[in-house]
Amino acid sequence: MLVSPSLISDYMRCPRKVYWKIHGYPRITSWNKQAIDRGTTVHEIIEEYYKGDHESKTLTEIKMTLADIYHNKVIMHDELIEKELSSFANFEVFRKEHGYRIVGVEKELKLEYKGNTIYGRADLVMQRGQDLTVVDWKTGHNGIVSDDIRRQISIYMYMLGASEGIV
């Protein structure tokens, strides 16, 4: 059976949710589908941004690059996507100012554990010195880091450490 860190977090919070994920949800509301689509779009734009030259860009250049990608990808104006991209641009400036370099974008992680395969995809892996950091974009996030988010990131960090031979 293949499991992911988010599936483990979901199970810890609500086993029924995992059942629905495996066997299909009764119905996804249109609001929830819009939020999922919005998050997917933001992830795709950020992934495309990192494919280009990103290390030398200023905040203005980052925003211009993101706007170009956004306007080539999205037909309808979406203020929430634009807000997420603005936050990402500020994050990118912070990352560079603090000496983090990118070592993985949408990095697939896989770990065998007690006969099960745990898989996941880290949105971003950064390194500063010997330290690795996993970033998981949470679009629509309220700013509170829940136990579920902590658990998911902890599992990603363990998986990353195992794949790098650190654990």
Foldseek 3Di string as FASTA:
>chain_A
DEAELLLVLCCVVPVVVNVCVVVPPPDDDPVNVVQVVLVVLLLVLVLVLVVDDDLPDDLVRQLVSSVVSCVVPDDDDDPLSSVLSNVVSVVSVVCNVVAKDWDDAQQWFWDQDPNYIYIDTFRTWIDHDHDIATDHDDRPDPPDCDPSNVSNRVVVVVRVCVVVVND
